[in-house]
């Protein structure tokens, strides 16, 4: 149902895959910016930012796979 609605809205598997790879890059970037923004702070905070953003990638990859399967059978 969700995959069908996303497909009808114009979202394709390539878009979800691009978002997944983009979120990986954004995770690294957010970690690096957080480390440099707070040089005396605890590195754990920067790690949490990177992990938070990095957790989006599996969701986007999963959506990409679901959309690819829907596109194949639709």
C-alpha atoms as a PDB file:
ATOM      1  CA  UNK A   1       0.000   0.000   0.000  1.00  0.00           C
ATOM      2  CA  UNK A   2       2.735   2.483   0.963  1.00  0.00           C
ATOM      3  CA  UNK A   3       4.932   1.385  -1.935  1.00  0.00           C
ATOM      4  CA  UNK A   4       2.022   1.769  -4.358  1.00  0.00           C
ATOM      5  CA  UNK A   5       1.299   5.277  -3.080  1.00  0.00           C
ATOM      6  CA  UNK A   6       4.968   6.242  -3.345  1.00  0.00           C
ATOM      7  CA  UNK A   7       5.092   4.906  -6.900  1.00  0.00           C
ATOM      8  CA  UNK A   8       1.930   6.797  -7.821  1.00  0.00           C
ATOM      9  CA  UNK A   9       3.507   9.962  -6.367  1.00  0.00           C
ATOM     10  CA  UNK A  10       6.422   9.568  -8.767  1.00  0.00           C
ATOM     11  CA  UNK A  11       9.013   8.085  -6.422  1.00  0.00           C
ATOM     12  CA  UNK A  12      11.090   5.429  -8.173  1.00  0.00           C
ATOM     13  CA  UNK A  13      13.610   2.922  -6.861  1.00  0.00           C
ATOM     14  CA  UNK A  14      16.470   5.035  -8.230  1.00  0.00           C
ATOM     15  CA  UNK A  15      15.320   7.951  -6.059  1.00  0.00           C
ATOM     16  CA  UNK A  16      15.337   5.793  -2.931  1.00  0.00           C
ATOM     17  CA  UNK A  17      18.783   4.418  -3.739  1.00  0.00           C
ATOM     18  CA  UNK A  18      20.118   7.929  -4.313  1.00  0.00           C
ATOM     19  CA  UNK A  19      18.653   9.015  -0.974  1.00  0.00           C
ATOM     20  CA  UNK A  20      20.340   6.045   0.723  1.00  0.00           C
ATOM     21  CA  UNK A  21      23.761   6.871  -0.672  1.00  0.00           C
ATOM     22  CA  UNK A  22      23.185  10.540   0.083  1.00  0.00           C
ATOM     23  CA  UNK A  23      22.353   9.743   3.703  1.00  0.00           C
ATOM     24  CA  UNK A  24      25.605   7.799   4.039  1.00  0.00           C
ATOM     25  CA  UNK A  25      27.525  10.843   2.823  1.00  0.00           C
ATOM     26  CA  UNK A  26      25.451  13.103   5.053  1.00  0.00           C
ATOM     27  CA  UNK A  27      26.246  10.878   8.053  1.00  0.00           C
ATOM     28  CA  UNK A  28      29.976  11.270   7.475  1.00  0.00           C
ATOM     29  CA  UNK A  29      29.585  14.993   6.863  1.00  0.00           C
ATOM     30  CA  UNK A  30      27.461  15.559   9.983  1.00  0.00           C
ATOM     31  CA  UNK A  31      29.989  13.639  12.077  1.00  0.00           C
ATOM     32  CA  UNK A  32      32.900  15.692  10.697  1.00  0.00           C
ATOM     33  CA  UNK A  33      31.093  18.998  11.183  1.00  0.00           C
ATOM     34  CA  UNK A  34      30.092  18.052  14.729  1.00  0.00           C
ATOM     35  CA  UNK A  35      33.682  17.100  15.614  1.00  0.00           C
ATOM     36  CA  UNK A  36      35.051  20.390  14.261  1.00  0.00           C
ATOM     37  CA  UNK A  37      32.258  22.571  15.674  1.00  0.00           C
ATOM     38  CA  UNK A  38      32.965  21.422  19.210  1.00  0.00           C
ATOM     39  CA  UNK A  39      36.702  20.704  19.396  1.00  0.00           C
ATOM     40  CA  UNK A  40      36.790  20.397  23.187  1.00  0.00           C
ATOM     41  CA  UNK A  41      33.548  18.460  23.465  1.00  0.00           C
ATOM     42  CA  UNK A  42      33.069  14.763  23.813  1.00  0.00           C
ATOM     43  CA  UNK A  43      33.468  12.844  20.542  1.00  0.00           C
ATOM     44  CA  UNK A  44      30.499  10.679  21.529  1.00  0.00           C
ATOM     45  CA  UNK A  45      28.117  13.496  20.603  1.00  0.00           C
ATOM     46  CA  UNK A  46      29.560  13.639  17.087  1.00  0.00           C
ATOM     47  CA  UNK A  47      29.297   9.857  16.868  1.00  0.00           C
ATOM     48  CA  UNK A  48      25.613  10.021  17.832  1.00  0.00           C
ATOM     49  CA  UNK A  49      24.902  12.553  15.055  1.00  0.00           C
ATOM     50  CA  UNK A  50      26.623  10.348  12.506  1.00  0.00           C
ATOM     51  CA  UNK A  51      24.802   7.239  13.687  1.00  0.00           C
ATOM     52  CA  UNK A  52      21.435   9.050  13.729  1.00  0.00           C
ATOM     53  CA  UNK A  53      21.752  10.138  10.116  1.00  0.00           C
ATOM     54  CA  UNK A  54      23.382   6.846   9.113  1.00  0.00           C
ATOM     55  CA  UNK A  55      20.324   4.919  10.273  1.00  0.00           C
ATOM     56  CA  UNK A  56      18.312   6.429   7.423  1.00  0.00           C
ATOM     57  CA  UNK A  57      20.287   4.530   4.767  1.00  0.00           C
ATOM     58  CA  UNK A  58      18.849   1.039   5.463  1.00  0.00           C
ATOM     59  CA  UNK A  59      15.320   2.459   5.329  1.00  0.00           C
ATOM     60  CA  UNK A  60      15.956   4.083   1.961  1.00  0.00           C
ATOM     61  CA  UNK A  61      17.622   0.924   0.634  1.00  0.00           C
ATOM     62  CA  UNK A  62      14.615  -1.107   1.798  1.00  0.00           C
ATOM     63  CA  UNK A  63      12.229   1.286   0.090  1.00  0.00           C
ATOM     64  CA  UNK A  64      14.364   1.095  -3.036  1.00  0.00           C
ATOM     65  CA  UNK A  65      14.139  -2.694  -3.068  1.00  0.00           C
ATOM     66  CA  UNK A  66      10.386  -2.637  -2.459  1.00  0.00           C
ATOM     67  CA  UNK A  67       9.882  -0.073  -5.216  1.00  0.00           C
ATOM     68  CA  UNK A  68      12.099  -2.079  -7.602  1.00  0.00           C
ATOM     69  CA  UNK A  69      10.012  -5.187  -6.970  1.00  0.00           C
ATOM     70  CA  UNK A  70       6.799  -3.192  -7.475  1.00  0.00           C
ATOM     71  CA  UNK A  71       8.130  -1.663 -10.698  1.00  0.00           C
ATOM     72  CA  UNK A  72       9.117  -5.107 -11.981  1.00  0.00           C
ATOM     73  CA  UNK A  73       5.660  -6.562 -11.380  1.00  0.00           C
ATOM     74  CA  UNK A  74       3.540  -3.515 -12.224  1.00  0.00           C
END
